[in-house]
C-alpha atoms as a PDB file:
ATOM      1  CA  MET A   1     -69.755  17.366-145.012  1.00  0.00           C
ATOM      2  CA  LYS A   2     -67.408  15.344-147.243  1.00  0.00           C
ATOM      3  CA  TYR A   3     -68.585  12.169-148.947  1.00  0.00           C
ATOM      4  CA  PRO A   4     -65.719  10.040-150.277  1.00  0.00           C
ATOM      5  CA  TYR A   5     -66.684   7.553-152.950  1.00  0.00           C
ATOM      6  CA  VAL A   6     -65.007   4.827-155.006  1.00  0.00           C
ATOM      7  CA  ILE A   7     -65.804   3.386-158.425  1.00  0.00           C
ATOM      8  CA  ILE A   8     -65.662  -0.339-159.186  1.00  0.00           C
ATOM      9  CA  ASP A   9     -65.683  -0.728-162.976  1.00  0.00           C
ATOM     10  CA  ASN A  10     -63.236  -2.120-165.526  1.00  0.00           C
ATOM     11  CA  ASP A  11     -64.476   0.292-168.203  1.00  0.00           C
ATOM     12  CA  GLN A  12     -62.433   3.484-167.844  1.00  0.00           C
ATOM     13  CA  LYS A  13     -64.938   5.469-169.938  1.00  0.00           C
ATOM     14  CA  ILE A  14     -67.706   4.662-167.456  1.00  0.00           C
ATOM     15  CA  ALA A  15     -65.481   5.529-164.494  1.00  0.00           C
ATOM     16  CA  ASP A  16     -64.666   8.868-166.143  1.00  0.00           C
ATOM     17  CA  ALA A  17     -68.356   9.518-166.856  1.00  0.00           C
ATOM     18  CA  ILE A  18     -69.268   8.963-163.203  1.00  0.00           C
ATOM     19  CA  GLN A  19     -66.566  11.379-162.075  1.00  0.00           C
ATOM     20  CA  ILE A  20     -67.702  13.975-164.625  1.00  0.00           C
ATOM     21  CA  SER A  21     -71.279  13.639-163.339  1.00  0.00           C
ATOM     22  CA  LEU A  22     -70.054  14.477-159.840  1.00  0.00           C
ATOM     23  CA  GLU A  23     -67.553  17.207-160.752  1.00  0.00           C
ATOM     24  CA  GLU A  24     -69.994  19.982-159.770  1.00  0.00           C
ATOM     25  CA  GLN A  25     -70.590  18.344-156.385  1.00  0.00           C
ATOM     26  CA  PRO A  26     -67.718  19.669-154.195  1.00  0.00           C
ATOM     27  CA  ASP A  27     -68.682  17.484-151.221  1.00  0.00           C
ATOM     28  CA  TYR A  28     -68.132  14.283-153.203  1.00  0.00           C
ATOM     29  CA  ILE A  29     -64.527  13.139-153.537  1.00  0.00           C
ATOM     30  CA  CYS A  30     -63.363  10.172-155.592  1.00  0.00           C
ATOM     31  CA  THR A  31     -60.762   8.301-153.543  1.00  0.00           C
ATOM     32  CA  GLY A  32     -60.053   5.451-155.907  1.00  0.00           C
ATOM     33  CA  ILE A  33     -61.043   3.228-158.834  1.00  0.00           C
ATOM     34  CA  ALA A  34     -60.799  -0.574-158.924  1.00  0.00           C
ATOM     35  CA  LYS A  35     -61.241  -2.906-161.881  1.00  0.00           C
ATOM     36  CA  ASP A  36     -61.842  -6.237-160.133  1.00  0.00           C
ATOM     37  CA  GLU A  37     -63.182  -7.619-156.854  1.00  0.00           C
ATOM     38  CA  GLN A  38     -59.817  -8.124-155.140  1.00  0.00           C
ATOM     39  CA  ASP A  39     -58.669  -4.553-155.779  1.00  0.00           C
ATOM     40  CA  ALA A  40     -62.123  -3.302-154.806  1.00  0.00           C
ATOM     41  CA  LEU A  41     -61.982  -5.154-151.475  1.00  0.00           C
ATOM     42  CA  ASP A  42     -58.581  -3.683-150.626  1.00  0.00           C
ATOM     43  CA  LEU A  43     -59.599  -0.198-151.790  1.00  0.00           C
ATOM     44  CA  ILE A  44     -62.810  -0.031-149.758  1.00  0.00           C
ATOM     45  CA  LEU A  45     -61.201  -1.350-146.566  1.00  0.00           C
ATOM     46  CA  GLU A  46     -58.376   1.165-146.911  1.00  0.00           C
ATOM     47  CA  ARG A  47     -60.329   4.267-147.964  1.00  0.00           C
ATOM     48  CA  ARG A  48     -63.628   3.658-146.078  1.00  0.00           C
ATOM     49  CA  PRO A  49     -65.862   5.446-148.638  1.00  0.00           C
ATOM     50  CA  ARG A  50     -69.438   6.468-147.953  1.00  0.00           C
ATOM     51  CA  LEU A  51     -70.537   5.478-151.473  1.00  0.00           C
ATOM     52  CA  VAL A  52     -69.531   2.722-153.891  1.00  0.00           C
ATOM     53  CA  PHE A  53     -70.477   2.798-157.568  1.00  0.00           C
ATOM     54  CA  LEU A  54     -70.445  -0.892-158.517  1.00  0.00           C
ATOM     55  CA  GLU A  55     -70.434  -2.718-161.830  1.00  0.00           C
ATOM     56  CA  PRO A  56     -71.364  -6.277-160.768  1.00  0.00           C
ATOM     57  CA  GLU A  57     -69.760  -7.748-163.879  1.00  0.00           C
ATOM     58  CA  VAL A  58     -66.164  -6.894-162.922  1.00  0.00           C
ATOM     59  CA  PRO A  59     -63.947 -10.000-162.427  1.00  0.00           C
ATOM     60  CA  GLY A  60     -64.553 -11.738-159.114  1.00  0.00           C
ATOM     61  CA  ILE A  61     -62.143 -13.409-156.708  1.00  0.00           C
ATOM     62  CA  ASP A  62     -63.716 -16.864-156.848  1.00  0.00           C
ATOM     63  CA  THR A  63     -66.147 -16.444-159.768  1.00  0.00           C
ATOM     64  CA  VAL A  64     -66.136 -14.958-163.251  1.00  0.00           C
ATOM     65  CA  THR A  65     -67.990 -11.857-162.040  1.00  0.00           C
ATOM     66  CA  THR A  66     -68.254 -10.396-158.547  1.00  0.00           C
ATOM     67  CA  LYS A  67     -72.024  -9.705-158.628  1.00  0.00           C
ATOM     68  CA  TYR A  68     -72.648  -9.068-154.899  1.00  0.00           C
ATOM     69  CA  SER A  69     -69.981 -11.305-153.377  1.00  0.00           C
ATOM     70  CA  LEU A  70     -67.911  -8.155-152.761  1.00  0.00           C
ATOM     71  CA  MET A  71     -70.496  -7.035-150.204  1.00  0.00           C
ATOM     72  CA  THR A  72     -70.356 -10.434-148.519  1.00  0.00           C
ATOM     73  CA  GLU A  73     -66.568 -10.231-148.239  1.00  0.00           C
ATOM     74  CA  LEU A  74     -66.693  -6.687-146.856  1.00  0.00           C
ATOM     75  CA  SER A  75     -69.167  -7.704-144.147  1.00  0.00           C
ATOM     76  CA  LYS A  76     -66.453  -9.933-142.659  1.00  0.00           C
ATOM     77  CA  TYR A  77     -64.417  -6.820-141.791  1.00  0.00           C
ATOM     78  CA  MET A  78     -66.900  -3.925-141.529  1.00  0.00           C
ATOM     79  CA  SER A  79     -69.816  -3.536-139.132  1.00  0.00           C
ATOM     80  CA  ARG A  80     -71.328  -0.912-141.440  1.00  0.00           C
ATOM     81  CA  LEU A  81     -70.962  -1.139-145.205  1.00  0.00           C
ATOM     82  CA  PRO A  82     -70.923   1.891-147.502  1.00  0.00           C
ATOM     83  CA  GLU A  83     -74.004   2.550-149.602  1.00  0.00           C
ATOM     84  CA  PHE A  84     -73.854   0.756-152.955  1.00  0.00           C
ATOM     85  CA  ILE A  85     -75.101   2.187-156.237  1.00  0.00           C
ATOM     86  CA  VAL A  86     -75.129  -0.393-159.024  1.00  0.00           C
ATOM     87  CA  ILE A  87     -74.446   0.916-162.534  1.00  0.00           C
ATOM     88  CA  THR A  88     -74.662  -1.780-165.189  1.00  0.00           C
ATOM     89  CA  LYS A  89     -76.065  -2.472-168.675  1.00  0.00           C
ATOM     90  CA  THR A  90     -78.621  -5.120-167.678  1.00  0.00           C
ATOM     91  CA  SER A  91     -81.450  -5.476-165.179  1.00  0.00           C
ATOM     92  CA  ASP A  92     -80.425  -9.088-164.457  1.00  0.00           C
ATOM     93  CA  TYR A  93     -78.941  -8.180-161.066  1.00  0.00           C
ATOM     94  CA  ALA A  94     -81.801  -5.971-159.841  1.00  0.00           C
ATOM     95  CA  ILE A  95     -83.692  -8.545-157.727  1.00  0.00           C
ATOM     96  CA  GLU A  96     -80.499  -9.742-156.065  1.00  0.00           C
ATOM     97  CA  GLY A  97     -79.579  -6.095-155.523  1.00  0.00           C
ATOM     98  CA  ILE A  98     -82.816  -5.514-153.609  1.00  0.00           C
ATOM     99  CA  ARG A  99     -82.023  -8.515-151.431  1.00  0.00           C
ATOM    100  CA  ASN A 100     -78.602  -7.015-150.718  1.00  0.00           C
ATOM    101  CA  ARG A 101     -80.192  -3.652-149.868  1.00  0.00           C
ATOM    102  CA  ILE A 102     -78.338  -1.598-152.456  1.00  0.00           C
ATOM    103  CA  MET A 103     -79.262   2.078-152.476  1.00  0.00           C
ATOM    104  CA  ASP A 104     -79.978   2.444-156.192  1.00  0.00           C
ATOM    105  CA  TYR A 105     -79.795   0.608-159.516  1.00  0.00           C
ATOM    106  CA  ILE A 106     -78.926   2.580-162.664  1.00  0.00           C
ATOM    107  CA  LEU A 107     -78.791   1.217-166.194  1.00  0.00           C
ATOM    108  CA  LYS A 108     -76.092   2.183-168.681  1.00  0.00           C
ATOM    109  CA  PRO A 109     -76.023   4.522-170.476  1.00  0.00           C
ATOM    110  CA  PHE A 110     -76.923   6.839-167.599  1.00  0.00           C
ATOM    111  CA  SER A 111     -77.543  10.567-167.403  1.00  0.00           C
ATOM    112  CA  LYS A 112     -76.141  13.185-165.071  1.00  0.00           C
ATOM    113  CA  GLY A 113     -79.682  13.770-163.815  1.00  0.00           C
ATOM    114  CA  GLN A 114     -79.975  10.156-162.668  1.00  0.00           C
ATOM    115  CA  ILE A 115     -76.746  10.463-160.693  1.00  0.00           C
ATOM    116  CA  ASN A 116     -77.867  13.747-159.129  1.00  0.00           C
ATOM    117  CA  ARG A 117     -81.193  12.282-158.020  1.00  0.00           C
ATOM    118  CA  THR A 118     -79.399   9.343-156.459  1.00  0.00           C
ATOM    119  CA  LEU A 119     -77.084  11.695-154.555  1.00  0.00           C
ATOM    120  CA  MET A 120     -80.066  13.696-153.294  1.00  0.00           C
ATOM    121  CA  ARG A 121     -81.628  10.475-151.984  1.00  0.00           C
ATOM    122  CA  PHE A 122     -78.376   9.530-150.333  1.00  0.00           C
ATOM    123  CA  GLU A 123     -78.033  12.885-148.552  1.00  0.00           C
ATOM    124  CA  LYS A 124     -81.667  12.778-147.443  1.00  0.00           C
ATOM    125  CA  ASP A 125     -81.553   9.236-146.062  1.00  0.00           C
ATOM    126  CA  PHE A 126     -77.920   8.655-145.086  1.00  0.00           C
ATOM    127  CA  GLY A 127     -76.019  11.938-145.216  1.00  0.00           C
ATOM    128  CA  LEU A 128     -75.939  12.583-141.476  1.00  0.00           C
ATOM    129  CA  SER A 129     -75.060   9.039-140.405  1.00  0.00           C
ATOM    130  CA  GLY A 130     -71.389   8.673-141.194  1.00  0.00           C
ATOM    131  CA  ASP A 131     -68.906   5.987-140.293  1.00  0.00           C
ATOM    132  CA  ASN A 132     -66.429   7.462-137.842  1.00  0.00           C
ATOM    133  CA  THR A 133     -63.570   5.052-138.458  1.00  0.00           C
ATOM    134  CA  LEU A 134     -60.405   5.116-140.544  1.00  0.00           C
ATOM    135  CA  CYS A 135     -58.776   1.908-141.740  1.00  0.00           C
ATOM    136  CA  PHE A 136     -55.000   1.655-142.200  1.00  0.00           C
ATOM    137  CA  LYS A 137     -53.751  -1.272-144.243  1.00  0.00           C
ATOM    138  CA  SER A 138     -50.165  -2.510-144.249  1.00  0.00           C
ATOM    139  CA  TYR A 139     -49.213  -5.854-145.811  1.00  0.00           C
ATOM    140  CA  GLY A 140     -52.545  -7.511-144.998  1.00  0.00           C
ATOM    141  CA  ASP A 141     -52.739  -5.925-141.522  1.00  0.00           C
ATOM    142  CA  TYR A 142     -55.874  -3.798-141.044  1.00  0.00           C
ATOM    143  CA  ARG A 143     -55.895  -1.253-138.221  1.00  0.00           C
ATOM    144  CA  PHE A 144     -59.057   0.710-137.373  1.00  0.00           C
ATOM    145  CA  VAL A 145     -58.905   4.162-135.770  1.00  0.00           C
ATOM    146  CA  ASP A 146     -61.746   6.237-134.306  1.00  0.00           C
ATOM    147  CA  VAL A 147     -61.692   9.700-135.899  1.00  0.00           C
ATOM    148  CA  ASP A 148     -62.803  11.339-132.630  1.00  0.00           C
ATOM    149  CA  GLU A 149     -59.641  10.059-130.915  1.00  0.00           C
ATOM    150  CA  ILE A 150     -57.259  11.784-133.344  1.00  0.00           C
ATOM    151  CA  LEU A 151     -55.534  14.846-131.841  1.00  0.00           C
ATOM    152  CA  TYR A 152     -53.605  15.925-134.921  1.00  0.00           C
ATOM    153  CA  LEU A 153     -51.815  14.738-138.046  1.00  0.00           C
ATOM    154  CA  LYS A 154     -48.144  15.374-138.733  1.00  0.00           C
ATOM    155  CA  ALA A 155     -46.443  15.055-142.121  1.00  0.00           C
ATOM    156  CA  ASP A 156     -43.304  12.921-142.248  1.00  0.00           C
ATOM    157  CA  ASN A 157     -41.942  13.007-145.812  1.00  0.00           C
ATOM    158  CA  ASN A 158     -44.424  10.910-147.841  1.00  0.00           C
ATOM    159  CA  THR A 159     -46.119   9.412-144.783  1.00  0.00           C
ATOM    160  CA  THR A 160     -48.432  10.864-142.141  1.00  0.00           C
ATOM    161  CA  ASP A 161     -48.364  10.300-138.379  1.00  0.00           C
ATOM    162  CA  PHE A 162     -51.730  10.261-136.577  1.00  0.00           C
ATOM    163  CA  ILE A 163     -51.265  11.342-132.958  1.00  0.00           C
ATOM    164  CA  MET A 164     -53.998   9.786-130.813  1.00  0.00           C
ATOM    165  CA  SER A 165     -55.612  10.881-127.560  1.00  0.00           C
ATOM    166  CA  ASN A 166     -54.268   7.769-125.777  1.00  0.00           C
ATOM    167  CA  GLY A 167     -50.687   8.765-126.627  1.00  0.00           C
ATOM    168  CA  ASN A 168     -50.248   6.274-129.467  1.00  0.00           C
ATOM    169  CA  LYS A 169     -48.944   7.156-132.912  1.00  0.00           C
ATOM    170  CA  VAL A 170     -50.353   5.520-136.041  1.00  0.00           C
ATOM    171  CA  GLU A 171     -48.373   5.767-139.277  1.00  0.00           C
ATOM    172  CA  ALA A 172     -50.171   5.988-142.619  1.00  0.00           C
ATOM    173  CA  PHE A 173     -48.357   5.549-145.912  1.00  0.00           C
ATOM    174  CA  LYS A 174     -50.085   8.521-147.539  1.00  0.00           C
ATOM    175  CA  THR A 175     -49.253  12.225-147.679  1.00  0.00           C
ATOM    176  CA  LEU A 176     -50.917  14.821-145.454  1.00  0.00           C
ATOM    177  CA  LYS A 177     -52.629  16.299-148.520  1.00  0.00           C
ATOM    178  CA  HIS A 178     -54.324  12.945-149.152  1.00  0.00           C
ATOM    179  CA  PHE A 179     -56.207  13.205-145.839  1.00  0.00           C
ATOM    180  CA  GLN A 180     -56.925  16.951-145.969  1.00  0.00           C
ATOM    181  CA  ASN A 181     -60.230  16.658-147.851  1.00  0.00           C
ATOM    182  CA  LEU A 182     -61.291  13.287-146.456  1.00  0.00           C
ATOM    183  CA  LEU A 183     -61.539  14.146-142.777  1.00  0.00           C
ATOM    184  CA  PRO A 184     -64.543  15.935-141.189  1.00  0.00           C
ATOM    185  CA  ASP A 185     -64.672  19.740-141.285  1.00  0.00           C
ATOM    186  CA  HIS A 186     -63.350  20.139-137.734  1.00  0.00           C
ATOM    187  CA  PHE A 187     -59.950  18.893-138.940  1.00  0.00           C
ATOM    188  CA  VAL A 188     -58.148  21.985-140.184  1.00  0.00           C
ATOM    189  CA  ARG A 189     -54.745  22.433-141.791  1.00  0.00           C
ATOM    190  CA  ILE A 190     -52.669  25.100-140.033  1.00  0.00           C
ATOM    191  CA  HIS A 191     -49.203  24.346-141.414  1.00  0.00           C
ATOM    192  CA  ASN A 192     -47.607  22.501-144.325  1.00  0.00           C
ATOM    193  CA  SER A 193     -46.852  19.724-141.835  1.00  0.00           C
ATOM    194  CA  TYR A 194     -49.914  19.764-139.545  1.00  0.00           C
ATOM    195  CA  ILE A 195     -53.665  19.213-139.508  1.00  0.00           C
ATOM    196  CA  ILE A 196     -55.330  19.567-136.103  1.00  0.00           C
ATOM    197  CA  ASN A 197     -58.588  18.349-134.634  1.00  0.00           C
ATOM    198  CA  THR A 198     -60.099  21.639-133.478  1.00  0.00           C
ATOM    199  CA  ASP A 199     -62.187  19.825-130.844  1.00  0.00           C
ATOM    200  CA  TYR A 200     -58.934  19.376-128.887  1.00  0.00           C
ATOM    201  CA  VAL A 201     -57.592  22.942-129.156  1.00  0.00           C
ATOM    202  CA  SER A 202     -57.182  24.471-125.682  1.00  0.00           C
ATOM    203  CA  ARG A 203     -55.235  27.619-126.538  1.00  0.00           C
ATOM    204  CA  ILE A 204     -54.173  29.692-129.548  1.00  0.00           C
ATOM    205  CA  HIS A 205     -51.164  31.943-129.055  1.00  0.00           C
ATOM    206  CA  PHE A 206     -50.869  34.282-132.038  1.00  0.00           C
ATOM    207  CA  GLY A 207     -47.657  35.871-130.721  1.00  0.00           C
ATOM    208  CA  LYS A 208     -45.849  32.517-130.687  1.00  0.00           C
ATOM    209  CA  ALA A 209     -47.872  31.176-133.642  1.00  0.00           C
ATOM    210  CA  LYS A 210     -48.742  27.971-131.786  1.00  0.00           C
ATOM    211  CA  CYS A 211     -51.849  25.987-130.833  1.00  0.00           C
ATOM    212  CA  ALA A 212     -51.994  24.010-127.598  1.00  0.00           C
ATOM    213  CA  ILE A 213     -53.700  20.612-127.607  1.00  0.00           C
ATOM    214  CA  LYS A 214     -55.807  19.346-124.704  1.00  0.00           C
ATOM    215  CA  ASN A 215     -54.428  16.599-122.447  1.00  0.00           C
ATOM    216  CA  THR A 216     -50.916  16.978-123.888  1.00  0.00           C
ATOM    217  CA  ASP A 217     -47.925  19.296-123.686  1.00  0.00           C
ATOM    218  CA  ASP A 218     -47.842  19.515-127.474  1.00  0.00           C
ATOM    219  CA  LEU A 219     -47.670  22.965-129.075  1.00  0.00           C
ATOM    220  CA  ILE A 220     -48.499  22.802-132.775  1.00  0.00           C
ATOM    221  CA  PRO A 221     -47.020  25.613-134.921  1.00  0.00           C
ATOM    222  CA  PHE A 222     -49.082  27.420-137.516  1.00  0.00           C
ATOM    223  CA  SER A 223     -47.670  29.315-140.492  1.00  0.00           C
ATOM    224  CA  LYS A 224     -48.595  32.687-142.017  1.00  0.00           C
ATOM    225  CA  SER A 225     -50.042  31.031-145.097  1.00  0.00           C
ATOM    226  CA  TYR A 226     -52.601  29.232-142.899  1.00  0.00           C
ATOM    227  CA  LYS A 227     -53.258  32.083-140.451  1.00  0.00           C
ATOM    228  CA  ASN A 228     -56.763  32.663-141.843  1.00  0.00           C
ATOM    229  CA  ASN A 229     -57.631  29.061-140.965  1.00  0.00           C
ATOM    230  CA  VAL A 230     -56.451  29.665-137.397  1.00  0.00           C
ATOM    231  CA  GLU A 231     -58.521  32.870-137.194  1.00  0.00           C
ATOM    232  CA  GLU A 232     -61.582  30.843-138.208  1.00  0.00           C
ATOM    233  CA  ILE A 233     -60.787  28.244-135.530  1.00  0.00           C
ATOM    234  CA  LYS A 234     -60.522  31.018-132.946  1.00  0.00           C
ATOM    235  CA  ASP A 235     -63.845  32.581-133.998  1.00  0.00           C
ATOM    236  CA  SER A 236     -65.604  29.213-134.013  1.00  0.00           C
ATOM    237  CA  LEU A 237     -64.353  28.236-130.554  1.00  0.00           C
ATOM    238  CA  ALA A 238     -65.189  31.689-129.178  1.00  0.00           C
ATOM    239  CA  LYS A 239     -68.796  31.381-130.391  1.00  0.00           C
ATOM    240  CA  LYS A 240     -69.131  28.079-128.558  1.00  0.00           C
ATOM    241  CA  SER A 241     -67.763  29.503-125.302  1.00  0.00           C
ATOM    242  CA  LEU A 242     -70.129  29.940-122.379  1.00  0.00           C
ATOM    243  CA  ILE A 243     -68.445  33.188-121.356  1.00  0.00           C
ATOM    244  CA  TYR A 244     -66.252  35.410-123.517  1.00  0.00           C
ATOM    245  CA  ILE A 245     -64.083  37.660-121.287  1.00  0.00           C
END
């Protein structure tokens, strides 16, 4: 399972140290760094991380420091907030952090062991309960998409089209590679231009090098360089079949 996280800190050395602490954790992916509350708000709504490493003393929108007002702002748009881990140099914000139900409170300077123990707690308590929504932001317009309703993703130059089960198309201003490691494991890349939701695969034709998608007439091509991925899809779907003839 992939756990995207973001860092909210205006000290680049601290942001780097957090990333270094997580570099041996392949399931944790940093999807952005913000240095003030406004950028943090936009980043979290766009990237929908599972974890947020927060320095409460970064500049706020309406106050000198954000403290926990970022969480209040996020609650206006999100029914479920990410888990917050506060990393700061003082214990002054600890009591307020408890009131805001933060997951952990770490004092600077911190050790890699402290970060690892926090991640273990997170996986134990929250790892299996993920948010199943993507947020697409465009000029102040926030659009929320259920991951389970995505049939496949198609690259279009530097943007990506999300083809939905209801026939709609949602455009994201990010490359296909950007989404490759953020989506759940049942989203698999089979071509330089395509990632498919394997839950919707109805047929794999190796002779024509195409995958058929349920409830559509779409045939998604796969390339030789991604043939091993398609073989794994085939084996996985075959194991789940009631009868294999």
